[in-house]
Amino acid sequence: MSTIYLGYDHGGFPVREAIISHLQGKNYTVHDLGNKALDPTDDYPDFAEKVAIRIQKDPQALGILLCRSGTGVSIVANKFKGIRAPLAMTAQQARAARLDDDANILCLSAELTPSKEILSLIDEFLDHPYLPQPRFERRKQKISTIEQHNFL
């Protein structure tokens, strides 16, 4: 997996360059879907939608979303079929999101997480690929079934 779709609102804008540089330094192809200039009036749903749609179209890729709390982008991204977008505040959460839940978008709080920790959380997410095990596959199938019943 070498493609990352990055989205952020004004809350995440200040850390975008550090994230892009960090990911490119690890040989990821980064598609920046956030604003190119700081706009305090922008809205996180717009960027979460862009990233979620890209992940739906490119399921081998991963996404990273940031807003002030991380909660808003997580809510929006999880409205899209096939998207598993947890908010991670700790290394353990970021790691488990991939290892256990096959999360495809990592949601982060730009305001509550220091920049250096944001990069560490991203590394935990990216460095621990999903390990398919029967119980994890069973849970993913249950999520898929719920999506089939609830996404019209």
Foldseek 3Di string as FASTA:
>chain_A
DAEEEEEEALLCVVLVVVQVVLSVVVVHHYDYQYDPDRDPPDDQLVRLVVRLVVCVVVVVAAYEYEYQALVVSQVNSVVDQPADEDEDDDLVVLLCCFAQAVHRYYTYHSNPHDSVVVSVSVCSNVVRHYDDDVVSVVVVVVVNVVCVVPPD
